[in-house]
Structure formats: C-alpha cells, structure tokens
Protein backbone atom coordinates (compact mmCIF):
# COMPACT_ATOMS: atom_id res chain seq x y z
CA MET A 1 37.24 12.68 -72.39
CA PRO A 2 40.99 11.38 -71.66
CA GLY A 3 42.02 12.74 -67.79
CA HIS A 4 44.53 15.17 -67.63
CA PHE A 5 46.66 17.47 -65.34
CA GLY A 6 44.68 20.79 -64.79
CA THR A 7 47.22 23.93 -65.96
CA THR A 8 45.62 26.96 -65.25
CA ASP A 9 43.47 28.15 -61.65
CA SER A 10 40.14 27.40 -63.62
CA GLU A 11 40.59 23.91 -64.33
CA ASP A 12 40.30 20.60 -61.73
CA GLY A 13 44.31 19.63 -60.60
CA VAL A 14 43.75 16.12 -61.59
CA PHE A 15 40.76 14.95 -63.82
CA ALA A 16 40.43 10.85 -64.55
CA SER A 17 37.08 9.30 -66.04
CA ALA A 18 35.99 5.91 -66.59
CA ASP A 19 32.76 4.47 -68.47
CA SER A 20 32.63 1.08 -66.65
CA SER A 21 30.65 0.15 -63.56
CA LYS A 22 33.67 -2.40 -63.01
CA GLN A 23 36.67 -0.25 -62.87
CA VAL A 24 37.19 3.13 -61.18
CA GLY A 25 37.61 6.65 -61.75
CA VAL A 26 41.12 6.99 -60.27
CA PHE A 27 42.98 4.70 -58.76
CA GLY A 28 46.07 4.65 -56.96
CA ASN A 29 48.28 1.76 -55.25
CA ASN A 30 50.97 2.22 -52.71
CA THR A 31 52.72 -1.44 -53.04
CA SER A 32 54.77 -1.01 -49.92
CA THR A 33 54.52 -3.66 -47.29
CA SER A 34 56.42 -1.90 -44.33
CA PRO A 35 54.46 -0.31 -41.64
CA PRO A 36 54.00 3.19 -42.28
CA PRO A 37 56.31 5.91 -39.49
CA ALA A 38 54.14 7.23 -36.27
CA GLY A 39 51.67 9.98 -37.87
CA GLY A 40 51.77 11.45 -41.47
CA THR A 41 49.90 9.98 -44.37
CA GLY A 42 53.02 7.18 -45.42
CA GLY A 43 51.90 3.94 -46.70
CA ALA A 44 48.54 5.30 -48.40
CA GLY A 45 47.31 4.66 -52.06
CA VAL A 46 45.76 8.49 -52.37
CA PHE A 47 46.22 11.25 -49.91
CA GLY A 48 44.25 14.35 -50.46
CA LEU A 49 45.26 18.27 -49.34
CA THR A 50 43.85 21.45 -49.29
CA VAL A 51 45.00 24.71 -47.50
CA SER A 52 41.38 26.02 -48.46
CA PRO A 53 38.77 26.75 -44.90
CA GLY A 54 36.21 24.69 -44.67
CA ALA A 55 37.12 22.35 -48.08
CA ALA A 56 37.87 19.18 -47.95
CA GLY A 57 41.28 17.03 -48.71
CA VAL A 58 39.51 14.26 -50.01
CA PHE A 59 36.03 14.70 -51.28
CA GLY A 60 33.76 11.86 -53.02
CA ALA A 61 30.02 12.35 -54.60
CA ASN A 62 27.76 9.97 -56.12
CA ASN A 63 25.14 11.75 -57.95
CA SER A 64 23.35 9.00 -58.50
CA ASP A 65 20.05 8.36 -56.68
CA LYS A 66 21.46 5.58 -54.17
CA GLY A 67 25.22 4.83 -52.97
CA VAL A 68 27.76 6.65 -50.87
CA GLY A 69 30.48 9.42 -51.44
CA VAL A 70 33.42 7.85 -49.82
CA GLN A 71 33.76 4.09 -48.96
CA GLY A 72 36.63 2.55 -47.63
CA ASN A 73 37.57 -0.93 -47.16
CA GLY A 74 40.34 -2.77 -44.08
CA PRO A 75 41.08 -5.50 -42.38
CA GLU A 76 40.59 -3.43 -39.05
CA VAL A 77 38.84 -0.17 -39.74
CA GLY A 78 36.90 0.60 -43.14
CA VAL A 79 37.25 5.09 -43.05
CA ARG A 80 39.27 6.66 -40.51
CA GLY A 81 39.57 10.23 -39.97
CA PHE A 82 42.20 12.22 -37.17
CA SER A 83 42.13 15.45 -36.18
CA LYS A 84 44.23 17.00 -33.48
CA ASP A 85 41.85 19.85 -32.36
CA GLY A 86 38.83 19.44 -34.38
CA ILE A 87 36.52 16.24 -35.62
CA GLY A 88 38.09 13.09 -37.10
CA ILE A 89 35.22 11.92 -39.31
CA ARG A 90 32.57 14.25 -39.83
CA GLY A 91 29.30 13.35 -42.12
CA ASP A 92 26.33 16.24 -43.64
CA SER A 93 23.60 15.42 -45.24
CA SER A 94 20.44 17.90 -45.53
CA GLU A 95 17.70 15.52 -46.30
CA GLY A 96 18.84 12.43 -46.34
CA PHE A 97 18.28 9.60 -43.12
CA THR A 98 22.02 9.82 -41.61
CA ALA A 99 24.72 11.93 -42.02
CA VAL A 100 27.30 9.08 -41.21
CA HIS A 101 26.06 5.43 -42.04
CA GLY A 102 28.36 2.71 -40.19
CA ASN A 103 28.19 -0.84 -41.15
CA GLY A 104 30.26 -3.71 -39.71
CA GLY A 105 30.03 -7.33 -39.76
CA LYS A 106 30.35 -6.32 -35.44
CA ASN A 107 29.78 -2.78 -34.61
CA GLY A 108 28.64 -0.42 -36.96
CA VAL A 109 30.14 2.43 -35.82
CA TRP A 110 32.58 2.13 -32.85
CA GLY A 111 34.13 5.42 -30.84
CA TYR A 112 37.35 5.48 -28.83
CA THR A 113 38.62 7.95 -26.46
CA THR A 114 40.96 8.37 -23.82
CA SER A 115 39.62 11.36 -22.30
CA ALA A 116 38.10 11.32 -19.19
CA ASN A 117 35.71 13.96 -19.70
CA ASP A 118 34.65 13.16 -23.22
CA SER A 119 33.15 10.54 -25.18
CA GLY A 120 33.31 8.01 -27.54
CA VAL A 121 30.22 8.49 -29.58
CA TYR A 122 28.75 11.81 -29.04
CA GLY A 123 25.61 12.55 -30.35
CA SER A 124 23.76 16.25 -31.10
CA ASN A 125 20.99 17.86 -32.56
CA ASP A 126 20.24 21.56 -32.07
CA GLY A 127 16.13 21.00 -33.72
CA SER A 128 14.08 19.01 -31.17
CA GLY A 129 14.85 15.20 -32.50
CA ASN A 130 17.35 13.04 -30.71
CA GLY A 131 21.04 13.73 -29.33
CA VAL A 132 21.85 10.13 -30.18
CA ALA A 133 19.08 7.15 -31.46
CA GLY A 134 19.34 3.42 -30.95
CA PHE A 135 17.91 0.88 -33.46
CA SER A 136 17.85 -2.78 -33.27
CA LYS A 137 15.21 -5.36 -35.10
CA ASN A 138 15.88 -7.85 -32.41
CA GLY A 139 18.26 -7.14 -30.15
CA THR A 140 19.01 -3.74 -27.82
CA GLY A 141 18.24 -0.53 -29.00
CA LEU A 142 20.85 1.80 -27.36
CA ARG A 143 23.04 -0.22 -24.47
CA GLY A 144 25.49 1.16 -22.31
CA SER A 145 28.19 -0.67 -20.22
CA THR A 146 31.36 0.34 -18.32
CA GLN A 147 33.63 -1.82 -15.58
CA SER A 148 33.95 1.14 -13.26
CA SER A 149 32.02 0.84 -10.21
CA ALA A 150 32.06 5.03 -9.91
CA ASN A 151 30.48 5.52 -12.66
CA PHE A 152 27.47 4.69 -15.27
CA GLY A 153 26.53 2.09 -18.12
CA VAL A 154 23.99 4.55 -19.33
CA PHE A 155 23.93 8.35 -18.38
CA GLY A 156 21.11 10.66 -19.61
CA SER A 157 21.17 14.44 -18.37
CA ASN A 158 18.79 17.55 -18.99
CA ASP A 159 20.67 20.34 -18.13
CA SER A 160 17.08 22.50 -18.34
CA SER A 161 16.44 24.34 -15.35
CA ASN A 162 12.62 25.51 -16.23
CA THR A 163 9.39 23.51 -15.22
CA PRO A 164 8.12 20.77 -17.36
CA THR A 165 5.05 22.05 -19.13
CA GLY A 166 2.35 19.78 -20.83
CA GLY A 167 2.77 16.89 -18.78
CA GLY A 168 4.36 13.65 -19.84
CA ALA A 169 7.95 13.09 -19.24
CA GLY A 170 9.39 16.63 -20.45
CA GLY A 171 12.35 17.43 -18.17
CA ALA A 172 13.43 13.68 -17.86
CA GLY A 173 17.28 12.89 -17.75
CA VAL A 174 16.33 9.43 -19.08
CA PHE A 175 12.81 7.90 -20.54
CA GLY A 176 11.91 4.64 -21.74
CA LEU A 177 9.15 3.99 -23.59
CA SER A 178 7.45 0.89 -24.35
CA ILE A 179 4.31 -0.65 -26.03
CA SER A 180 5.04 -4.45 -25.02
CA PRO A 181 1.72 -5.32 -23.30
CA GLY A 182 2.98 -5.97 -19.31
CA ARG A 183 6.25 -4.87 -20.22
CA ALA A 184 8.06 -1.75 -18.29
CA GLY A 185 9.48 1.25 -20.24
CA VAL A 186 12.25 1.94 -17.60
CA PHE A 187 13.68 -1.76 -16.27
CA GLY A 188 16.38 -2.36 -13.83
CA ALA A 189 18.09 -5.12 -12.97
CA ASN A 190 21.12 -5.47 -10.35
CA SER A 191 22.33 -9.24 -11.14
CA SER A 192 24.75 -9.25 -8.11
CA ASN A 193 23.62 -10.64 -4.99
CA LYS A 194 22.80 -7.80 -3.54
CA GLY A 195 21.80 -3.84 -4.36
CA VAL A 196 18.54 -2.84 -5.91
CA GLY A 197 17.35 -2.62 -9.88
CA VAL A 198 16.18 0.58 -9.49
CA GLN A 199 17.38 3.49 -7.60
CA GLY A 200 15.79 7.40 -7.69
CA ASN A 201 17.60 10.78 -5.82
CA GLY A 202 15.64 13.76 -5.84
CA PRO A 203 14.74 16.83 -3.70
CA ASP A 204 11.79 15.90 -3.08
CA VAL A 205 11.03 12.40 -4.57
CA GLY A 206 13.32 9.69 -4.74
CA VAL A 207 10.93 7.51 -7.29
CA SER A 208 7.75 8.92 -8.34
CA GLY A 209 4.96 6.24 -10.55
CA PHE A 210 2.09 8.21 -12.63
CA ARG A 211 -0.92 6.74 -14.64
CA ASP A 212 -3.87 8.85 -14.85
CA ARG A 213 -6.47 6.19 -14.68
CA ASN A 214 -4.74 2.78 -12.67
CA THR A 215 -1.97 1.77 -10.21
CA GLY A 216 1.15 4.65 -9.92
CA VAL A 217 3.70 2.24 -8.74
CA VAL A 218 3.45 -1.66 -8.28
CA GLY A 219 6.29 -3.20 -6.12
CA THR A 220 6.04 -7.26 -6.74
CA GLY A 221 8.89 -9.61 -4.34
CA ALA A 222 9.30 -13.03 -3.68
CA LYS A 223 9.48 -11.27 0.39
CA ASN A 224 7.80 -7.61 0.46
CA GLY A 225 6.44 -5.73 -2.24
CA VAL A 226 7.55 -2.46 -1.29
CA VAL A 227 9.74 -1.22 1.50
CA GLY A 228 9.99 1.82 2.54
CA ARG A 229 12.99 2.98 5.08
CA THR A 230 14.03 6.57 6.56
CA GLY A 231 15.56 7.89 9.76
CA SER A 232 13.76 10.47 10.12
CA ASP A 233 11.67 11.31 13.64
CA VAL A 234 8.95 12.85 12.00
CA ASP A 235 8.38 11.45 8.82
CA ALA A 236 7.28 8.02 7.68
CA GLY A 237 9.21 4.82 6.08
CA VAL A 238 5.91 4.71 3.71
CA ASN A 239 3.81 7.93 3.11
CA GLY A 240 0.20 7.43 1.27
CA ARG A 241 -1.42 10.30 0.55
CA ASN A 242 -4.98 10.41 -1.21
CA ASP A 243 -6.61 13.94 -2.57
CA GLY A 244 -10.15 12.61 -3.14
CA LYS A 245 -12.24 10.32 -0.33
CA GLY A 246 -10.89 7.23 -0.86
CA PHE A 247 -7.26 5.58 1.27
CA GLY A 248 -4.58 6.84 1.64
CA VAL A 249 -3.11 3.71 2.49
CA PHE A 250 -4.70 0.06 1.66
CA GLY A 251 -3.04 -3.77 2.70
CA GLY A 252 -4.84 -6.37 1.34
CA SER A 253 -3.99 -10.17 2.02
CA LEU A 254 -5.78 -13.19 0.61
CA ASN A 255 -5.01 -14.96 4.43
CA GLY A 256 -2.70 -12.97 6.58
CA SER A 257 -3.09 -9.48 7.74
CA GLY A 258 -3.81 -6.85 5.64
CA VAL A 259 -2.08 -4.13 7.28
CA GLU A 260 0.39 -4.74 10.23
CA GLY A 261 2.22 -2.25 11.96
CA HIS A 262 5.20 -2.92 14.41
CA SER A 263 7.39 -0.75 16.12
CA THR A 264 10.54 -1.66 18.84
CA ASN A 265 10.21 0.88 21.07
CA GLY A 266 7.31 3.21 19.56
CA THR A 267 3.81 2.67 18.61
CA GLY A 268 2.79 -0.18 16.11
CA VAL A 269 0.17 1.65 14.31
CA VAL A 270 -0.80 5.23 14.57
CA GLY A 271 -4.02 6.91 12.86
CA PHE A 272 -4.73 10.89 13.07
CA SER A 273 -7.44 12.71 11.78
CA GLU A 274 -8.34 16.23 12.00
CA LYS A 275 -12.15 16.56 11.50
CA SER A 276 -13.13 13.08 11.06
CA LEU A 277 -12.52 9.52 12.55
CA ALA A 278 -8.76 8.49 13.55
CA GLY A 279 -9.58 5.14 12.94
CA ARG A 280 -12.51 3.18 11.37
CA PHE A 281 -12.96 -1.13 12.17
CA ILE A 282 -15.42 -2.76 9.73
CA GLY A 283 -16.05 -6.43 11.48
CA ASP A 284 -14.39 -7.81 14.63
CA VAL A 285 -11.63 -5.73 16.50
CA GLU A 286 -9.21 -8.74 18.94
CA VAL A 287 -7.18 -7.14 21.31
CA THR A 288 -4.92 -9.33 23.28
CA GLY A 289 -3.27 -6.90 25.04
CA ASP A 290 -4.74 -3.43 27.58
CA ILE A 291 -6.57 -1.18 26.09
CA ARG A 292 -5.05 2.42 26.88
CA LEU A 293 -8.11 5.38 26.64
CA THR A 294 -5.95 8.53 27.99
CA ASN A 295 -9.87 10.59 28.46
CA ALA A 296 -11.60 10.28 31.32
CA ASP A 297 -15.08 8.76 31.27
CA CYS A 298 -17.35 6.36 28.74
CA ALA A 299 -20.53 8.13 27.79
CA GLU A 300 -23.44 7.39 25.31
CA ASP A 301 -25.35 9.76 23.09
CA PHE A 302 -28.73 10.61 23.76
CA ASP A 303 -31.16 12.72 21.90
CA VAL A 304 -31.39 16.29 23.56
CA VAL A 305 -34.54 18.54 23.14
CA ASP A 306 -33.30 22.40 22.86
CA ILE A 307 -28.89 21.92 22.25
CA THR A 308 -28.85 25.89 22.92
CA GLN A 309 -29.66 25.15 26.79
CA VAL A 310 -27.12 22.79 26.96
CA THR A 311 -23.31 22.50 27.97
CA PRO A 312 -20.75 19.71 29.09
CA GLY A 313 -20.94 19.33 33.01
CA THR A 314 -24.81 20.00 32.60
CA VAL A 315 -27.33 17.47 34.85
CA MET A 316 -30.04 16.49 32.62
CA VAL A 317 -33.33 14.40 32.77
CA ILE A 318 -35.90 12.69 30.58
CA ASP A 319 -38.61 14.25 29.45
CA SER A 320 -41.79 12.69 28.62
CA GLU A 321 -40.41 11.81 24.97
CA GLY A 322 -37.44 10.33 25.97
CA ALA A 323 -35.38 13.17 24.90
CA LEU A 324 -33.14 14.83 27.48
CA ARG A 325 -33.42 18.44 28.84
CA PRO A 326 -31.51 19.95 31.79
CA SER A 327 -32.81 18.95 35.45
CA ASP A 328 -35.01 21.73 36.83
CA ARG A 329 -35.96 20.41 40.70
CA ALA A 330 -34.20 18.57 43.95
CA TYR A 331 -34.19 14.83 44.06
CA ASP A 332 -35.50 13.82 40.25
CA LYS A 333 -35.79 10.25 39.61
CA ARG A 334 -35.84 10.92 35.70
CA VAL A 335 -32.19 12.36 36.14
CA ALA A 336 -30.07 10.55 33.07
CA GLY A 337 -26.83 12.19 33.90
CA VAL A 338 -24.15 14.58 33.37
CA ILE A 339 -22.90 15.59 29.85
CA SER A 340 -19.40 15.07 29.36
CA GLY A 341 -16.69 16.73 27.89
CA ALA A 342 -16.63 20.14 30.39
CA GLY A 343 -13.04 20.26 31.72
CA LYS A 344 -10.09 18.28 31.10
CA TYR A 345 -12.32 15.07 31.23
CA LYS A 346 -13.54 14.41 27.70
CA PRO A 347 -15.41 11.23 27.08
CA ALA A 348 -12.70 8.23 25.92
CA ILE A 349 -15.86 5.83 24.55
CA VAL A 350 -18.92 7.32 23.31
CA LEU A 351 -21.42 4.52 22.66
CA ASP A 352 -25.04 5.00 20.21
CA LYS A 353 -23.13 7.73 17.71
CA GLN A 354 -25.33 7.14 15.01
CA GLU A 355 -26.71 10.48 12.93
CA SER A 356 -30.08 11.65 13.83
CA SER A 357 -32.37 14.66 12.80
CA LYS A 358 -32.30 15.57 16.05
CA ASN A 359 -29.33 16.99 18.18
CA ARG A 360 -27.77 14.69 20.56
CA MET A 361 -24.61 14.42 23.08
CA PRO A 362 -23.00 12.49 24.95
CA ILE A 363 -23.90 11.60 28.97
CA ALA A 364 -21.24 10.23 31.17
CA LEU A 365 -21.66 6.23 31.99
CA MET A 366 -18.79 6.08 34.58
CA GLY A 367 -15.57 7.30 34.93
CA LYS A 368 -14.46 10.82 35.81
CA VAL A 369 -16.77 13.80 34.56
CA TYR A 370 -17.03 17.44 35.69
CA CYS A 371 -20.44 18.59 36.70
CA LYS A 372 -21.92 21.45 37.61
CA VAL A 373 -22.96 22.24 41.25
CA ASP A 374 -24.64 24.48 43.76
CA ALA A 375 -23.49 24.42 46.93
CA SER A 376 -26.38 26.85 48.39
CA TYR A 377 -28.30 23.93 49.24
CA GLY A 378 -25.54 22.48 51.74
CA ALA A 379 -21.51 22.54 51.28
CA ILE A 380 -20.41 19.85 49.40
CA GLU A 381 -17.49 17.51 50.76
CA VAL A 382 -15.74 14.94 49.16
CA GLY A 383 -16.68 11.73 48.52
CA ASP A 384 -21.09 13.15 49.17
CA LEU A 385 -23.12 12.06 46.75
CA LEU A 386 -25.47 14.29 44.30
CA THR A 387 -28.11 14.50 43.18
CA THR A 388 -30.48 17.02 41.03
CA SER A 389 -31.42 20.36 42.62
CA PRO A 390 -33.93 23.48 41.45
CA THR A 391 -30.88 25.39 39.37
CA PRO A 392 -31.50 24.19 36.44
CA GLY A 393 -28.77 21.62 35.03
CA HIS A 394 -27.07 21.77 38.37
CA ALA A 395 -26.37 19.04 41.26
CA MET A 396 -26.58 19.39 44.94
CA LYS A 397 -25.56 17.55 47.61
CA ALA A 398 -27.73 14.89 48.40
CA ASP A 399 -28.53 15.05 52.51
CA ASP A 400 -31.88 13.03 52.48
CA PRO A 401 -31.18 9.02 51.55
CA MET A 402 -34.97 8.17 51.57
CA LYS A 403 -34.87 11.29 48.03
CA ALA A 404 -31.91 10.39 46.64
CA PHE A 405 -33.13 6.60 46.23
CA GLY A 406 -32.80 6.59 42.11
CA ALA A 407 -31.96 10.26 42.62
CA VAL A 408 -28.04 10.11 42.46
CA ILE A 409 -25.90 11.13 40.08
CA GLY A 410 -22.94 10.49 41.41
CA LYS A 411 -19.88 11.17 43.95
CA ALA A 412 -18.22 14.69 44.64
CA LEU A 413 -14.40 14.37 43.97
CA ARG A 414 -13.34 18.13 45.67
CA PRO A 415 -15.25 20.24 47.75
CA LEU A 416 -17.45 23.68 47.18
CA GLU A 417 -18.35 25.25 50.29
CA VAL A 418 -20.91 27.96 48.41
CA GLY A 419 -21.50 29.12 44.97
CA GLN A 420 -21.64 27.34 41.82
CA ASP A 421 -18.74 25.58 40.09
CA LEU A 422 -17.75 22.58 38.22
CA ILE A 423 -16.29 19.54 40.18
CA GLY A 424 -14.84 16.55 39.25
CA SER A 425 -17.32 13.43 40.41
CA ILE A 426 -17.91 10.25 39.56
CA PRO A 427 -21.25 8.90 37.68
CA LEU A 428 -22.91 6.19 40.05
CA LEU A 429 -26.38 6.49 38.20
CA GLN A 430 -25.52 3.22 36.45
CA LYS A 431 -24.74 1.19 39.78
CA TYR A 432 -28.58 1.80 40.73
CA VAL A 433 -30.42 2.17 37.91
CA MET A 434 -30.65 0.55 33.93
CA SER A 435 -32.82 2.64 30.97
CA VAL A 436 -35.43 1.04 29.60
CA ARG A 437 -37.09 2.54 26.34
CA ILE A 438 -41.24 1.58 26.29
CA GLU A 439 -42.23 1.77 23.08
CA ALA A 440 -46.16 2.69 22.87
C-alpha cells in the first residue's frame, strides 16, 4: 500500500511503508551544514511532537523476535534525550532482558550531570533485584572513579533501619562476592605511600569478619599482620573474645615470641580471670627483672582430714595418714603450720596445686600469715615464738625452750594480753624441720 497523509481523526497523520530490508519506511533528511541554534530541534532529520499525556513524540517498534525499536547513529552520540524536569531517555521492557541497551566502542552507556546531589547514571529497582548491575567478561564488572578527596569512587547506601534477618549480608551498604579460590569478596587498595586499604566505621565495630568454619579476619603484612590502636583508658588496642573453651587471643611464631606485650609507662601484659587462672605457662619461664607479689606468703597445699572444721588461720598438725588436722595439744612436734589466707594476708604462691579426691588447703611456709592464738596460757608479746596449744587450732606463747624445739610455728608480729584472736606471724617452721614422706 502506498504512503499517504491522514485526513481523519481515526487515521495516522503520515503513513509510509517499504517492503525491502535494504530500505526504510520513512526517511527524513536535513542537508544544512550549519550548526543549529542553541536549544530547540533545528537541524533534525526527523522531528516528532505530541501533546498527548504519556505518549511519545517519536515512537519506534519492531514486531519481529529480534532487533530494536529505535536506533540512532551519530559521530558523538547515537541516541540523545533531553528533558528540563523529567527523564532524558527512558526505556521500558515488560519481559525483556533490558529496558535500555547501550553498545559502544568505548562506553556502552554514558551518563553526565553537573548536579551536586544527583548521579550521572541512576538505577532503581522497586522489586528485590539490583538497582544497578555491571558485568564484564574480562574486565571490571562495576567501577567508580572520582578526583575529589572529599568524595568516594563507589558509594553504597542501605537506608533500611530494620535489624537484618536470616544471617548473611542483609543490611549492608556494599556487598562483595567472589567464587575465585583464595581471592577476596571485597578488596581495597591504597596506592599512595600512606593510608589504609579498607577502613570501616561503626557504632559497635569498625570492621567485622565472619566465617562459620574458619578464621573471621586474617591480616598479612611485611611488618605487622594486624595492628590495633585506641586512645581509651579502659579498653584494648586489640580485643579477642572466645565464647567457647578456646583462646580469646592466640599468638604463634616459628622462631620468635608468640605474644609480646610492651608498655612505656604501664603494664606490658595483664591476665585476668573471674573464676579461673589469670595466666598459665606450659614450659620454662625466664624473668630478667623482679617478681612482685602483692599478697603475703608462700604456701603449699596439703590434704586436710575434715575441711568443715578448718578455716584460714587454723594451726594444723600431721596425722598418722599424712593428712592434716587442727592441733589440740601443747608443744606438738607434729605441727605442720598455719592455714594461709586469713585476714588481709593472702597466699602469693601456692605450691603443689593438684586435683585430689581429698580436700586440700594451703599451709604458709614463709612470709606473713594470720594465726589463731590463745593468750590464756600466757600473754603474747611482739617477737615471741609461737607453738601449738591445747585449744584446738590455736597457737600459744612458747615459754619452754626444751619443749619448743621442733614445735615452733612462727614469731608473733603483734601482742595479745588476754583472750583469743587472729594475730600476724612469721612462719619459722621451715627453719627447723623439712617434711619427709615415708612410704610403707
């Protein structure tokens, strides 16, 4: 059918048709070589105009199963759209792969803006898919670049204020995924001579690493693998936590120190435990400086016959089975010493700590220890030697040198004129005897 001009409101304004794949249905040509005036549509080969809301000034359709609806070829731009208040170019596809497809020798799609708050290219998805996705077979899938030190090459934002559910990376501003063995999901590099590759800022944790079967975070460096720094007076530069039975922090070295602690004005290494050991060493320990113990005495654990009758400060003797029980007679040569830990004098060192089916308690060997004494057998003065008394678990003044030989407990550090009390004493038993266990 030949082309024609429409003459009624039910016909197309202009209709043209061609039955050749080498020709075009409508061809518009502008042979002017002068630049068009600023703005407007001057210089165009084809111009389309409509005042119908939601309709197109120029509409192109391809009813085959392959091809494009509108195609433009130009030395600078193939297709260009302009809108003062709306969208310059818009593509819609209900079931196709893309609404807008760009293919170029350099950039497939290029977006440009001078707005301080908007984007050169903007993608939006009202479903659960991606707003913008980039793919490259051999290059970078998505790249962002800026020359401003106050802005970002790539910025990702998640505006949801809801707590993420189901685990995974939900709620993240930027998510990186890789299936390449040994590679990183997100990799950050700083090519200057100062700065960091990746930095994280958060109200709880700056950077968090998670792995359900292996290491959460690994740091590798020519100097330090991981450096932690803080200006807090109560917190740590590096904090390690283990909610199981393993180590909170582990350090290992092939030829050097596994863990080193250093402080200019404070403590190099501090160990703390509320219910167990603050520190444990497997192997030899070398100390080049002084060892300062804030508690009072050196003690050794012994088996106790009936722990319900024994409290710190009790004077103990050795029974026939080698265990200890409270003393109950004067000048008893079986005396072992005083149970450590009474008052403000706590044991600084406890020897022979071991698991046992019997009850065990520490006997003070040297240093200072509080001791139960009874002055009813004679007033006690500072410096008096102490020995066992008939009062169970109590010491008395040793005023008989002959009987006292081998039965001295220690030396009184303060006086007691009458009654019973706890007084400080210095254990002297180890100066006279050495315990020897005889096996039958």
